[in-house]
Protein backbone atom coordinates (compact mmCIF):
# COMPACT_ATOMS: atom_id res chain seq x y z
CA UNK A 1 21.85 12.27 -2.44
CA UNK A 2 24.76 11.57 -4.78
CA UNK A 3 25.46 13.20 -8.12
CA UNK A 4 23.75 11.75 -11.18
CA UNK A 5 25.70 9.09 -13.10
CA UNK A 6 26.27 9.61 -16.81
CA UNK A 7 27.08 5.98 -17.70
CA UNK A 8 25.55 2.72 -16.54
CA UNK A 9 28.84 1.40 -15.10
CA UNK A 10 30.03 4.62 -13.50
CA UNK A 11 29.31 3.23 -10.03
CA UNK A 12 31.11 -0.01 -9.27
CA UNK A 13 30.31 -2.14 -6.23
CA UNK A 14 32.65 -4.63 -4.62
CA UNK A 15 31.80 -8.20 -5.55
CA UNK A 16 33.08 -11.74 -5.89
CA UNK A 17 32.57 -13.61 -9.18
CA UNK A 18 32.59 -17.41 -9.31
CA UNK A 19 32.29 -19.76 -12.28
CA UNK A 20 30.98 -19.12 -15.75
CA UNK A 21 34.09 -20.49 -17.42
CA UNK A 22 32.52 -23.04 -19.78
CA UNK A 23 32.67 -22.10 -23.49
CA UNK A 24 29.40 -21.13 -25.19
CA UNK A 25 27.71 -23.61 -27.48
CA UNK A 26 27.67 -22.57 -31.17
CA UNK A 27 23.89 -23.02 -31.22
CA UNK A 28 23.26 -20.95 -28.08
CA UNK A 29 20.63 -18.20 -28.12
CA UNK A 30 21.61 -14.55 -28.47
CA UNK A 31 20.05 -14.05 -25.02
CA UNK A 32 21.64 -14.25 -21.58
CA UNK A 33 19.73 -14.74 -18.32
CA UNK A 34 20.20 -12.63 -15.20
CA UNK A 35 18.65 -14.44 -12.24
CA UNK A 36 18.08 -12.29 -9.14
CA UNK A 37 18.19 -14.50 -6.05
CA UNK A 38 16.86 -13.49 -2.68
CA UNK A 39 15.24 -16.49 -1.00
CA UNK A 40 17.92 -19.19 -1.26
CA UNK A 41 15.27 -21.57 -2.60
CA UNK A 42 15.96 -25.30 -2.49
CA UNK A 43 14.56 -25.36 -6.03
CA UNK A 44 17.56 -23.48 -7.41
CA UNK A 45 19.35 -26.57 -8.85
CA UNK A 46 16.16 -27.41 -10.75
CA UNK A 47 15.97 -23.81 -12.03
CA UNK A 48 19.56 -23.93 -13.29
CA UNK A 49 18.91 -27.25 -15.03
CA UNK A 50 15.88 -25.76 -16.80
CA UNK A 51 17.77 -22.63 -17.85
CA UNK A 52 20.76 -24.61 -19.15
CA UNK A 53 18.40 -26.75 -21.19
CA UNK A 54 17.27 -23.63 -23.08
CA UNK A 55 20.86 -22.99 -24.30
CA UNK A 56 21.04 -19.35 -23.30
CA UNK A 57 24.24 -17.55 -24.28
CA UNK A 58 25.16 -17.28 -20.59
CA UNK A 59 23.51 -17.46 -17.18
CA UNK A 60 24.39 -15.02 -14.40
CA UNK A 61 23.07 -15.74 -10.92
CA UNK A 62 23.13 -12.63 -8.74
CA UNK A 63 23.15 -13.35 -5.02
CA UNK A 64 21.82 -11.10 -2.27
CA UNK A 65 23.41 -13.05 0.56
CA UNK A 66 27.22 -12.99 0.62
CA UNK A 67 27.09 -15.55 3.45
CA UNK A 68 25.53 -18.26 1.31
CA UNK A 69 27.97 -21.08 1.96
CA UNK A 70 26.34 -23.43 -0.58
CA UNK A 71 27.58 -21.37 -3.52
CA UNK A 72 30.90 -23.19 -3.76
CA UNK A 73 29.15 -26.52 -4.18
CA UNK A 74 26.59 -24.97 -6.52
CA UNK A 75 29.31 -23.48 -8.76
CA UNK A 76 31.04 -26.88 -9.00
CA UNK A 77 27.77 -28.57 -9.96
CA UNK A 78 26.92 -25.87 -12.53
CA UNK A 79 30.26 -24.59 -13.90
CA UNK A 80 28.54 -22.84 -16.81
CA UNK A 81 26.68 -20.51 -14.42
CA UNK A 82 28.42 -17.31 -13.34
CA UNK A 83 27.67 -16.38 -9.72
CA UNK A 84 28.01 -12.74 -8.65
CA UNK A 85 28.13 -12.05 -4.92
CA UNK A 86 27.97 -8.34 -3.98
CA UNK A 87 30.10 -7.50 -0.94
CA UNK A 88 28.11 -4.39 -0.09
CA UNK A 89 24.47 -3.41 0.01
CA UNK A 90 23.07 -2.77 -3.46
CA UNK A 91 19.71 -2.16 -5.09
CA UNK A 92 18.22 -4.57 -7.61
CA UNK A 93 18.92 -2.01 -10.33
CA UNK A 94 22.60 -1.85 -9.38
CA UNK A 95 22.82 -5.64 -9.45
CA UNK A 96 21.21 -5.79 -12.89
CA UNK A 97 23.67 -3.15 -14.15
CA UNK A 98 26.52 -5.23 -12.77
CA UNK A 99 25.26 -8.43 -14.37
CA UNK A 100 24.70 -6.72 -17.73
CA UNK A 101 28.39 -5.82 -17.75
CA UNK A 102 29.26 -9.52 -17.33
CA UNK A 103 27.51 -10.81 -20.47
CA UNK A 104 28.13 -10.38 -24.20
CA UNK A 105 24.81 -11.34 -25.83
CA UNK A 106 22.61 -8.75 -27.55
CA UNK A 107 19.70 -9.41 -25.17
CA UNK A 108 19.34 -10.14 -21.46
CA UNK A 109 16.35 -11.74 -19.77
CA UNK A 110 15.96 -10.63 -16.15
CA UNK A 111 14.20 -13.18 -13.92
CA UNK A 112 13.78 -13.81 -10.19
CA UNK A 113 14.02 -16.94 -8.10
CA UNK A 114 10.50 -16.16 -6.86
CA UNK A 115 9.19 -17.20 -10.30
CA UNK A 116 8.37 -20.65 -11.58
CA UNK A 117 10.84 -21.06 -14.45
CA UNK A 118 10.00 -23.98 -16.77
CA UNK A 119 12.48 -25.90 -18.94
CA UNK A 120 11.10 -24.48 -22.19
CA UNK A 121 11.27 -20.86 -21.06
CA UNK A 122 12.38 -19.66 -24.49
CA UNK A 123 12.72 -21.90 -27.55
CA UNK A 124 14.88 -20.80 -30.53
CA UNK A 125 11.97 -19.72 -32.75
CA UNK A 126 10.48 -17.65 -29.91
CA UNK A 127 13.86 -16.04 -29.18
CA UNK A 128 14.17 -15.03 -32.83
CA UNK A 129 10.61 -13.70 -32.88
CA UNK A 130 11.07 -11.59 -29.74
CA UNK A 131 14.41 -10.07 -30.71
CA UNK A 132 13.31 -9.11 -34.24
CA UNK A 133 11.13 -6.27 -32.94
CA UNK A 134 14.12 -4.11 -32.02
CA UNK A 135 12.31 -2.87 -28.90
CA UNK A 136 14.46 -1.78 -25.99
CA UNK A 137 12.39 -3.78 -23.50
CA UNK A 138 9.83 -6.59 -23.83
CA UNK A 139 7.69 -7.28 -20.76
CA UNK A 140 6.01 -10.69 -20.21
CA UNK A 141 2.65 -11.67 -18.78
CA UNK A 142 2.86 -12.40 -15.08
CA UNK A 143 0.59 -14.36 -12.75
CA UNK A 144 0.49 -14.72 -8.98
CA UNK A 145 0.80 -18.05 -7.16
CA UNK A 146 -2.96 -18.64 -7.56
CA UNK A 147 -2.66 -18.16 -11.36
CA UNK A 148 -4.42 -14.78 -11.24
CA UNK A 149 -3.09 -12.35 -13.82
CA UNK A 150 -1.04 -9.44 -12.48
CA UNK A 151 -1.54 -6.00 -14.08
CA UNK A 152 1.43 -5.55 -16.41
CA UNK A 153 0.08 -2.82 -18.67
CA UNK A 154 1.07 0.64 -17.39
CA UNK A 155 -0.16 3.80 -19.09
CA UNK A 156 1.01 7.39 -18.39
CA UNK A 157 -1.80 9.88 -17.76
CA UNK A 158 -2.42 13.33 -16.34
CA UNK A 159 -4.61 13.17 -13.25
CA UNK A 160 -5.65 16.48 -11.64
CA UNK A 161 -2.76 18.20 -13.44
CA UNK A 162 -0.27 15.68 -12.07
CA UNK A 163 1.51 12.82 -13.82
CA UNK A 164 0.15 9.41 -12.83
CA UNK A 165 0.28 5.79 -13.96
CA UNK A 166 -2.76 3.61 -14.60
CA UNK A 167 -2.44 -0.16 -14.63
CA UNK A 168 -4.51 -2.99 -16.07
CA UNK A 169 -4.33 -6.62 -17.12
CA UNK A 170 -5.48 -5.78 -20.66
CA UNK A 171 -2.75 -6.55 -23.15
CA UNK A 172 -1.91 -7.71 -26.65
CA UNK A 173 1.38 -8.50 -28.33
CA UNK A 174 3.30 -5.34 -29.17
CA UNK A 175 1.15 -3.07 -27.01
CA UNK A 176 2.98 -0.25 -25.26
CA UNK A 177 3.63 -0.33 -21.55
CA UNK A 178 5.46 2.34 -19.60
CA UNK A 179 7.66 -0.10 -17.69
CA UNK A 180 8.04 -3.81 -16.85
CA UNK A 181 6.69 -5.05 -13.53
CA UNK A 182 9.30 -6.01 -10.90
CA UNK A 183 12.20 -5.45 -13.39
CA UNK A 184 11.23 -8.73 -15.12
CA UNK A 185 11.72 -8.36 -18.87
CA UNK A 186 13.83 -9.04 -21.94
CA UNK A 187 16.17 -6.06 -22.48
CA UNK A 188 18.18 -5.03 -25.52
CA UNK A 189 21.62 -4.92 -23.90
CA UNK A 190 23.22 -2.16 -26.00
CA UNK A 191 20.19 0.09 -25.68
CA UNK A 192 20.15 -0.55 -21.92
CA UNK A 193 23.79 0.54 -21.72
CA UNK A 194 23.25 3.64 -23.87
CA UNK A 195 20.33 4.67 -21.65
CA UNK A 196 22.64 4.60 -18.63
CA UNK A 197 21.00 1.64 -16.89
CA UNK A 198 19.32 1.94 -13.51
CA UNK A 199 20.19 4.93 -11.34
CA UNK A 200 22.01 3.50 -8.32
CA UNK A 201 21.26 6.60 -6.23
CA UNK A 202 17.52 5.81 -6.23
CA UNK A 203 16.86 3.28 -3.47
CA UNK A 204 13.11 2.80 -4.03
CA UNK A 205 12.48 -0.06 -6.51
CA UNK A 206 9.43 1.69 -7.95
CA UNK A 207 11.07 5.06 -8.60
CA UNK A 208 14.29 3.41 -9.78
CA UNK A 209 12.38 1.33 -12.32
CA UNK A 210 10.17 4.25 -13.40
CA UNK A 211 13.21 6.52 -13.78
CA UNK A 212 14.86 4.32 -16.40
CA UNK A 213 11.55 3.47 -18.05
CA UNK A 214 10.38 7.06 -18.54
CA UNK A 215 13.88 8.14 -19.61
CA UNK A 216 13.85 5.41 -22.27
CA UNK A 217 10.60 6.76 -23.73
CA UNK A 218 11.77 10.38 -23.60
CA UNK A 219 14.94 9.32 -25.42
CA UNK A 220 13.05 7.54 -28.18
CA UNK A 221 12.97 3.88 -27.07
CA UNK A 222 9.98 1.59 -26.58
CA UNK A 223 8.81 -0.97 -24.03
CA UNK A 224 6.19 -3.41 -25.28
CA UNK A 225 4.21 -6.36 -23.97
CA UNK A 226 4.25 -9.95 -25.12
CA UNK A 227 1.92 -12.81 -24.27
CA UNK A 228 4.46 -15.30 -25.61
CA UNK A 229 6.48 -15.08 -22.40
CA UNK A 230 4.59 -16.05 -19.23
CA UNK A 231 5.76 -16.57 -15.69
CA UNK A 232 4.01 -17.45 -12.43
CA UNK A 233 5.20 -16.30 -9.02
CA UNK A 234 5.81 -19.12 -6.58
CA UNK A 235 5.14 -16.76 -3.69
CA UNK A 236 3.27 -13.49 -3.36
CA UNK A 237 4.40 -10.89 -5.92
CA UNK A 238 5.79 -7.62 -4.56
CA UNK A 239 3.48 -4.67 -3.93
CA UNK A 240 4.63 -1.51 -5.66
CA UNK A 241 5.51 1.12 -3.06
CA UNK A 242 4.84 4.50 -4.66
CA UNK A 243 5.59 6.49 -1.51
CA UNK A 244 7.20 9.86 -2.27
CA UNK A 245 10.82 9.56 -1.16
CA UNK A 246 14.15 11.20 -1.98
CA UNK A 247 14.29 8.75 -4.87
CA UNK A 248 11.10 10.29 -6.22
CA UNK A 249 12.77 13.72 -6.27
CA UNK A 250 15.67 12.34 -8.31
CA UNK A 251 13.22 10.69 -10.72
CA UNK A 252 11.13 13.89 -10.93
CA UNK A 253 14.13 16.12 -11.69
CA UNK A 254 15.37 13.86 -14.48
CA UNK A 255 12.08 12.99 -16.14
CA UNK A 256 9.14 15.24 -15.25
CA UNK A 257 10.89 18.61 -15.03
CA UNK A 258 12.77 18.69 -18.38
CA UNK A 259 11.05 20.34 -21.34
CA UNK A 260 11.79 20.30 -25.05
CA UNK A 261 13.03 23.68 -26.24
CA UNK A 262 14.44 24.26 -29.73
CA UNK A 263 14.60 20.52 -30.28
CA UNK A 264 16.57 19.64 -27.14
CA UNK A 265 15.95 18.89 -23.49
CA UNK A 266 16.40 21.57 -20.85
CA UNK A 267 15.41 22.56 -17.33
CA UNK A 268 14.72 26.26 -17.06
CA UNK A 269 16.06 28.18 -14.06
CA UNK A 270 12.54 29.51 -13.55
CA UNK A 271 11.39 25.96 -12.65
CA UNK A 272 13.23 26.07 -9.31
CA UNK A 273 10.47 27.67 -7.16
CA UNK A 274 7.93 24.98 -8.08
CA UNK A 275 10.51 22.25 -7.46
CA UNK A 276 11.49 23.76 -4.12
CA UNK A 277 7.87 23.70 -2.93
CA UNK A 278 7.58 20.05 -3.98
CA UNK A 279 10.92 18.93 -2.56
CA UNK A 280 10.40 19.30 1.23
CA UNK A 281 14.15 20.04 1.37
CA UNK A 282 15.97 23.04 2.76
CA UNK A 283 16.68 25.64 0.13
CA UNK A 284 20.41 24.86 -0.07
CA UNK A 285 19.84 21.12 -0.58
CA UNK A 286 17.01 21.79 -3.05
CA UNK A 287 19.27 24.15 -4.99
CA UNK A 288 22.05 21.54 -5.06
CA UNK A 289 19.72 18.83 -6.37
CA UNK A 290 18.17 21.18 -8.91
CA UNK A 291 21.55 22.33 -10.26
CA UNK A 292 22.84 18.75 -10.49
CA UNK A 293 19.79 17.80 -12.56
CA UNK A 294 20.26 20.82 -14.84
CA UNK A 295 23.86 19.74 -15.47
CA UNK A 296 22.75 16.17 -16.20
CA UNK A 297 20.01 17.30 -18.62
CA UNK A 298 22.41 19.71 -20.34
CA UNK A 299 24.90 16.88 -20.96
CA UNK A 300 22.11 14.67 -22.35
CA UNK A 301 20.06 17.38 -24.06
CA UNK A 302 20.35 15.92 -27.55
CA UNK A 303 19.11 12.54 -26.34
CA UNK A 304 15.63 13.91 -25.58
CA UNK A 305 13.14 13.48 -28.42
CA UNK A 306 10.13 14.49 -26.33
CA UNK A 307 9.18 15.62 -22.84
CA UNK A 308 6.68 14.01 -20.49
CA UNK A 309 3.74 16.01 -21.79
CA UNK A 310 4.59 14.97 -25.33
CA UNK A 311 4.82 11.33 -24.26
CA UNK A 312 1.38 11.36 -22.69
CA UNK A 313 -0.20 13.19 -25.64
CA UNK A 314 1.34 10.79 -28.18
CA UNK A 315 0.81 7.57 -26.21
CA UNK A 316 -2.12 6.28 -28.25
CA UNK A 317 -1.12 7.78 -31.60
CA UNK A 318 -0.10 4.47 -33.06
C-alpha cells in the first residue's frame, strides 16, 4: 500500500482532456457538474442537453472507457462540455479529485450516468438555497428504478464495542448523515480540497468514501441531507461492499485509531499491538503501515477537532 497523500492533487493520473472551451454565461450557477460515465448510455446527448439547460458554471464528463470512439463527435456537438479520459486505471474517487481540479465554481455536483437526470435538476433559487448552508457536503434523496427509496441516512454507532454504520430512509432537510451514497452529492469545492479529497490508495468504493466522510466530521465539517434534490437510478443501484480489505486498514488507521490528546490528534505507539492483531499483515508490513499513519496524523494533528468516539457521542446533540 502506498504512502498517505497530504493534498488532494498529490497523485496525478495520465489523462486526455477534450472540449470545455466555451465561455461561461454571466447568469450561470455557482455550481459545476461532474458526471461519472461508465455505461456509454445512448441517452447521454439528452443528459447533456438537460444539464446545459440548467446553466451550470461548467460540466465535466469523466469517462471510464478510453476507447470510446464517439467522444470526438460528442465533443463537437457539445463544445461547452469538458471530457476527461483517464489513460490508466483509476478509482471513482481519483476521477472526482481530477474533475474537481478542472472547475472553478464554489460547488460541484457529482452525478452518474446511471441516474435519470431531468432538465430542471437545479433551478437558480434552489441552487442559492442549497449553497447558503455552508455545509461541506449535501446528499440528495435517491430512488431505485422502481421508485423505491434508497437508504441515504447513515448514522455512526458503537455495536459490540466496534464502530458500525446504521442506515435508514428516514430523513429531513438538514439532518446529519455520515456520508453520501454512491459519491452522489453537492460538495463545497474549497472544503473538499482542504480535506484532501478521496484517498487514491483505497481501492474499495465503500472504504474510500467512508474515509473522506469520517475525516470530514473529525476535522469539523458536516454532511447533511436534502429532500430538495432527488434522483432515480435508471438501473439497479450499487450494493455497498463492506468487506474488510487493505483499504479498510488504511481507513481504520486514519480515522478510527487517532485520539484527541491535549487538543490535537495523535496515534499512540501503544496502539500498535491492537492494530497488528486486526491487520492480518506480517509484523514488518503492519509496522510500516502504522508508522505511515502516525506521520500523517502528526502532520494533520491540528485539523482534528474530535475523535471517533467523540463523534458518535455528539451525533444527536443538535
